[in-house]
Amino acid sequence: SSLTLIVFAHVAITYSFTVRTITNAMNALDQSFEEAAKSLGATPFSTFFNVVFPQIKSSIFAGAIFAFTRSLDETGATLAVAPEALTAPVIIVDFVKKGLIADAGVASLALILVSYAILLVVRKLGGRHGQR
């Protein structure tokens, strides 16, 4: 379906940015914490979720936000894989092509407000769960 193609296209575009963010966090980890957990009998699964994940979760979160914002701006991939799809950025570009600048402005403002609302919710949830 078109939705599946759009999702795959956006994942392909944003994947490297997210992986880079998480890889940098993983490389900065102090290995002694993992070694201590293993020496105390922790399983690899337990070590990851109790030692590694808490240290990299902010990077995972940052990568996800970066991927989301990058994906919001992507019209080329959407039009390439599903030209009939009507996503917000595609609609805005269509308004501009038709000379409907005021409509494009309203649609852009709506997209900004939705993004801001999502940011507020994420920030609230992050604060509640001890995010930095």
C-alpha atoms as a PDB file:
ATOM      1  CA  SER A   1       0.000   0.000   0.000  1.00  0.00           C
ATOM      2  CA  SER A   2       0.992   3.643  -0.309  1.00  0.00           C
ATOM      3  CA  LEU A   3       1.333   4.053   3.442  1.00  0.00           C
ATOM      4  CA  THR A   4       3.829   1.192   3.638  1.00  0.00           C
ATOM      5  CA  LEU A   5       5.887   2.683   0.811  1.00  0.00           C
ATOM      6  CA  ILE A   6       5.864   6.106   2.456  1.00  0.00           C
ATOM      7  CA  VAL A   7       6.963   4.649   5.797  1.00  0.00           C
ATOM      8  CA  PHE A   8       9.803   2.694   4.164  1.00  0.00           C
ATOM      9  CA  ALA A   9      10.933   5.753   2.207  1.00  0.00           C
ATOM     10  CA  HIS A  10      10.978   7.933   5.309  1.00  0.00           C
ATOM     11  CA  VAL A  11      12.773   5.281   7.356  1.00  0.00           C
ATOM     12  CA  ALA A  12      15.389   4.973   4.620  1.00  0.00           C
ATOM     13  CA  ILE A  13      15.955   8.726   4.697  1.00  0.00           C
ATOM     14  CA  THR A  14      16.082   9.157   8.477  1.00  0.00           C
ATOM     15  CA  TYR A  15      17.712   5.864   9.504  1.00  0.00           C
ATOM     16  CA  SER A  16      21.305   7.037   9.203  1.00  0.00           C
ATOM     17  CA  PHE A  17      20.704  10.129  11.332  1.00  0.00           C
ATOM     18  CA  THR A  18      19.136   8.086  14.111  1.00  0.00           C
ATOM     19  CA  VAL A  19      21.801   5.393  14.005  1.00  0.00           C
ATOM     20  CA  ARG A  20      24.565   7.997  14.108  1.00  0.00           C
ATOM     21  CA  THR A  21      23.069   9.611  17.217  1.00  0.00           C
ATOM     22  CA  ILE A  22      22.723   6.291  19.028  1.00  0.00           C
ATOM     23  CA  THR A  23      26.136   5.031  17.891  1.00  0.00           C
ATOM     24  CA  ASN A  24      27.833   8.122  19.292  1.00  0.00           C
ATOM     25  CA  ALA A  25      26.114   7.536  22.632  1.00  0.00           C
ATOM     26  CA  MET A  26      27.121   3.870  22.632  1.00  0.00           C
ATOM     27  CA  ASN A  27      30.746   4.762  21.882  1.00  0.00           C
ATOM     28  CA  ALA A  28      30.799   7.216  24.782  1.00  0.00           C
ATOM     29  CA  LEU A  29      29.655   4.631  27.340  1.00  0.00           C
ATOM     30  CA  ASP A  30      31.949   3.616  30.151  1.00  0.00           C
ATOM     31  CA  GLN A  31      32.460  -0.121  29.570  1.00  0.00           C
ATOM     32  CA  SER A  32      33.268  -0.719  33.230  1.00  0.00           C
ATOM     33  CA  PHE A  33      29.558  -0.515  34.119  1.00  0.00           C
ATOM     34  CA  GLU A  34      28.732  -3.326  31.706  1.00  0.00           C
ATOM     35  CA  GLU A  35      31.677  -5.378  32.928  1.00  0.00           C
ATOM     36  CA  ALA A  36      30.589  -4.885  36.533  1.00  0.00           C
ATOM     37  CA  ALA A  37      27.048  -5.999  35.724  1.00  0.00           C
ATOM     38  CA  LYS A  38      28.324  -9.095  33.936  1.00  0.00           C
ATOM     39  CA  SER A  39      30.716  -9.935  36.765  1.00  0.00           C
ATOM     40  CA  LEU A  40      27.774  -9.750  39.169  1.00  0.00           C
ATOM     41  CA  GLY A  41      25.905 -12.320  37.083  1.00  0.00           C
ATOM     42  CA  ALA A  42      23.644 -10.102  34.989  1.00  0.00           C
ATOM     43  CA  THR A  43      22.456 -11.555  31.707  1.00  0.00           C
ATOM     44  CA  PRO A  44      23.156  -9.644  28.493  1.00  0.00           C
ATOM     45  CA  PHE A  45      19.455  -8.714  28.352  1.00  0.00           C
ATOM     46  CA  SER A  46      19.487  -7.454  31.931  1.00  0.00           C
ATOM     47  CA  THR A  47      22.760  -5.609  31.365  1.00  0.00           C
ATOM     48  CA  PHE A  48      21.336  -3.820  28.364  1.00  0.00           C
ATOM     49  CA  PHE A  49      18.057  -2.766  29.973  1.00  0.00           C
ATOM     50  CA  ASN A  50      19.433  -1.918  33.413  1.00  0.00           C
ATOM     51  CA  VAL A  51      22.857  -0.496  32.556  1.00  0.00           C
ATOM     52  CA  VAL A  52      23.178   0.493  28.902  1.00  0.00           C
ATOM     53  CA  PHE A  53      19.669   1.652  28.037  1.00  0.00           C
ATOM     54  CA  PRO A  54      19.359   4.207  30.860  1.00  0.00           C
ATOM     55  CA  GLN A  55      22.587   5.810  29.636  1.00  0.00           C
ATOM     56  CA  ILE A  56      21.582   6.002  25.966  1.00  0.00           C
ATOM     57  CA  LYS A  57      17.834   6.617  26.202  1.00  0.00           C
ATOM     58  CA  SER A  58      18.216  10.364  25.759  1.00  0.00           C
ATOM     59  CA  SER A  59      20.172   9.732  22.547  1.00  0.00           C
ATOM     60  CA  ILE A  60      17.504   7.325  21.317  1.00  0.00           C
ATOM     61  CA  PHE A  61      14.922   9.969  22.130  1.00  0.00           C
ATOM     62  CA  ALA A  62      16.941  12.676  20.347  1.00  0.00           C
ATOM     63  CA  GLY A  63      17.373  10.436  17.308  1.00  0.00           C
ATOM     64  CA  ALA A  64      13.648   9.741  17.205  1.00  0.00           C
ATOM     65  CA  ILE A  65      12.824  13.446  17.395  1.00  0.00           C
ATOM     66  CA  PHE A  66      15.357  14.220  14.682  1.00  0.00           C
ATOM     67  CA  ALA A  67      13.918  11.480  12.460  1.00  0.00           C
ATOM     68  CA  PHE A  68      10.388  12.752  13.055  1.00  0.00           C
ATOM     69  CA  THR A  69      11.239  16.351  12.221  1.00  0.00           C
ATOM     70  CA  ARG A  70      13.262  15.315   9.168  1.00  0.00           C
ATOM     71  CA  SER A  71      10.387  13.148   8.015  1.00  0.00           C
ATOM     72  CA  LEU A  72       7.900  15.994   8.432  1.00  0.00           C
ATOM     73  CA  ASP A  73       9.868  18.030   5.926  1.00  0.00           C
ATOM     74  CA  GLU A  74      10.189  15.265   3.351  1.00  0.00           C
ATOM     75  CA  THR A  75       8.094  15.758   0.237  1.00  0.00           C
ATOM     76  CA  GLY A  76      10.405  14.323  -2.411  1.00  0.00           C
ATOM     77  CA  ALA A  77      10.381  10.760  -1.135  1.00  0.00           C
ATOM     78  CA  THR A  78       6.649  10.846  -0.545  1.00  0.00           C
ATOM     79  CA  LEU A  79       5.952  12.064  -4.067  1.00  0.00           C
ATOM     80  CA  ALA A  80       8.418   9.554  -5.532  1.00  0.00           C
ATOM     81  CA  VAL A  81       6.856   6.472  -3.938  1.00  0.00           C
ATOM     82  CA  ALA A  82       3.223   7.589  -3.691  1.00  0.00           C
ATOM     83  CA  PRO A  83       2.429  10.576  -5.909  1.00  0.00           C
ATOM     84  CA  GLU A  84      -1.248  10.359  -4.992  1.00  0.00           C
ATOM     85  CA  ALA A  85      -0.555  10.589  -1.242  1.00  0.00           C
ATOM     86  CA  LEU A  86      -1.771  13.667   0.565  1.00  0.00           C
ATOM     87  CA  THR A  87       0.551  14.330   3.464  1.00  0.00           C
ATOM     88  CA  ALA A  88       0.734  17.756   5.083  1.00  0.00           C
ATOM     89  CA  PRO A  89       4.026  18.781   3.412  1.00  0.00           C
ATOM     90  CA  VAL A  90       2.760  17.606   0.012  1.00  0.00           C
ATOM     91  CA  ILE A  91      -0.440  19.609   0.456  1.00  0.00           C
ATOM     92  CA  ILE A  92       1.576  22.699   1.402  1.00  0.00           C
ATOM     93  CA  VAL A  93       3.792  22.332  -1.674  1.00  0.00           C
ATOM     94  CA  ASP A  94       0.678  21.866  -3.811  1.00  0.00           C
ATOM     95  CA  PHE A  95      -0.831  25.068  -2.394  1.00  0.00           C
ATOM     96  CA  VAL A  96       2.344  26.988  -3.238  1.00  0.00           C
ATOM     97  CA  LYS A  97       2.425  25.565  -6.779  1.00  0.00           C
ATOM     98  CA  LYS A  98      -1.167  26.721  -7.269  1.00  0.00           C
ATOM     99  CA  GLY A  99      -0.344  30.185  -5.941  1.00  0.00           C
ATOM    100  CA  LEU A 100      -2.465  29.719  -2.827  1.00  0.00           C
ATOM    101  CA  ILE A 101       0.108  31.264  -0.523  1.00  0.00           C
ATOM    102  CA  ALA A 102      -2.383  32.117   2.240  1.00  0.00           C
ATOM    103  CA  ASP A 103      -3.643  28.527   2.292  1.00  0.00           C
ATOM    104  CA  ALA A 104      -0.057  27.275   2.383  1.00  0.00           C
ATOM    105  CA  GLY A 105       0.600  29.602   5.310  1.00  0.00           C
ATOM    106  CA  VAL A 106      -2.429  28.342   7.222  1.00  0.00           C
ATOM    107  CA  ALA A 107      -1.478  24.719   6.550  1.00  0.00           C
ATOM    108  CA  SER A 108       2.102  25.445   7.622  1.00  0.00           C
ATOM    109  CA  LEU A 109       0.888  27.077  10.813  1.00  0.00           C
ATOM    110  CA  ALA A 110      -1.326  24.064  11.531  1.00  0.00           C
ATOM    111  CA  LEU A 111       1.660  21.755  11.024  1.00  0.00           C
ATOM    112  CA  ILE A 112       3.789  23.905  13.322  1.00  0.00           C
ATOM    113  CA  LEU A 113       1.093  23.905  16.015  1.00  0.00           C
ATOM    114  CA  VAL A 114       0.664  20.130  15.826  1.00  0.00           C
ATOM    115  CA  SER A 115       4.439  19.669  16.028  1.00  0.00           C
ATOM    116  CA  TYR A 116       4.615  22.039  18.991  1.00  0.00           C
ATOM    117  CA  ALA A 117       1.807  20.173  20.766  1.00  0.00           C
ATOM    118  CA  ILE A 118       3.664  16.896  20.233  1.00  0.00           C
ATOM    119  CA  LEU A 119       6.839  18.516  21.573  1.00  0.00           C
ATOM    120  CA  LEU A 120       5.008  19.670  24.704  1.00  0.00           C
ATOM    121  CA  VAL A 121       3.558  16.211  25.312  1.00  0.00           C
ATOM    122  CA  VAL A 122       6.939  14.555  24.798  1.00  0.00           C
ATOM    123  CA  ARG A 123       8.611  17.084  27.074  1.00  0.00           C
ATOM    124  CA  LYS A 124       5.995  16.514  29.768  1.00  0.00           C
ATOM    125  CA  LEU A 125       6.359  12.734  29.512  1.00  0.00           C
ATOM    126  CA  GLY A 126      10.148  13.002  29.452  1.00  0.00           C
ATOM    127  CA  GLY A 127      10.170  15.130  32.584  1.00  0.00           C
ATOM    128  CA  ARG A 128       7.905  12.705  34.383  1.00  0.00           C
ATOM    129  CA  HIS A 129      10.161   9.755  33.612  1.00  0.00           C
ATOM    130  CA  GLY A 130      13.403  11.439  34.542  1.00  0.00           C
ATOM    131  CA  GLN A 131      14.604  12.460  31.090  1.00  0.00           C
ATOM    132  CA  ARG A 132      17.295  15.111  31.045  1.00  0.00           C
END
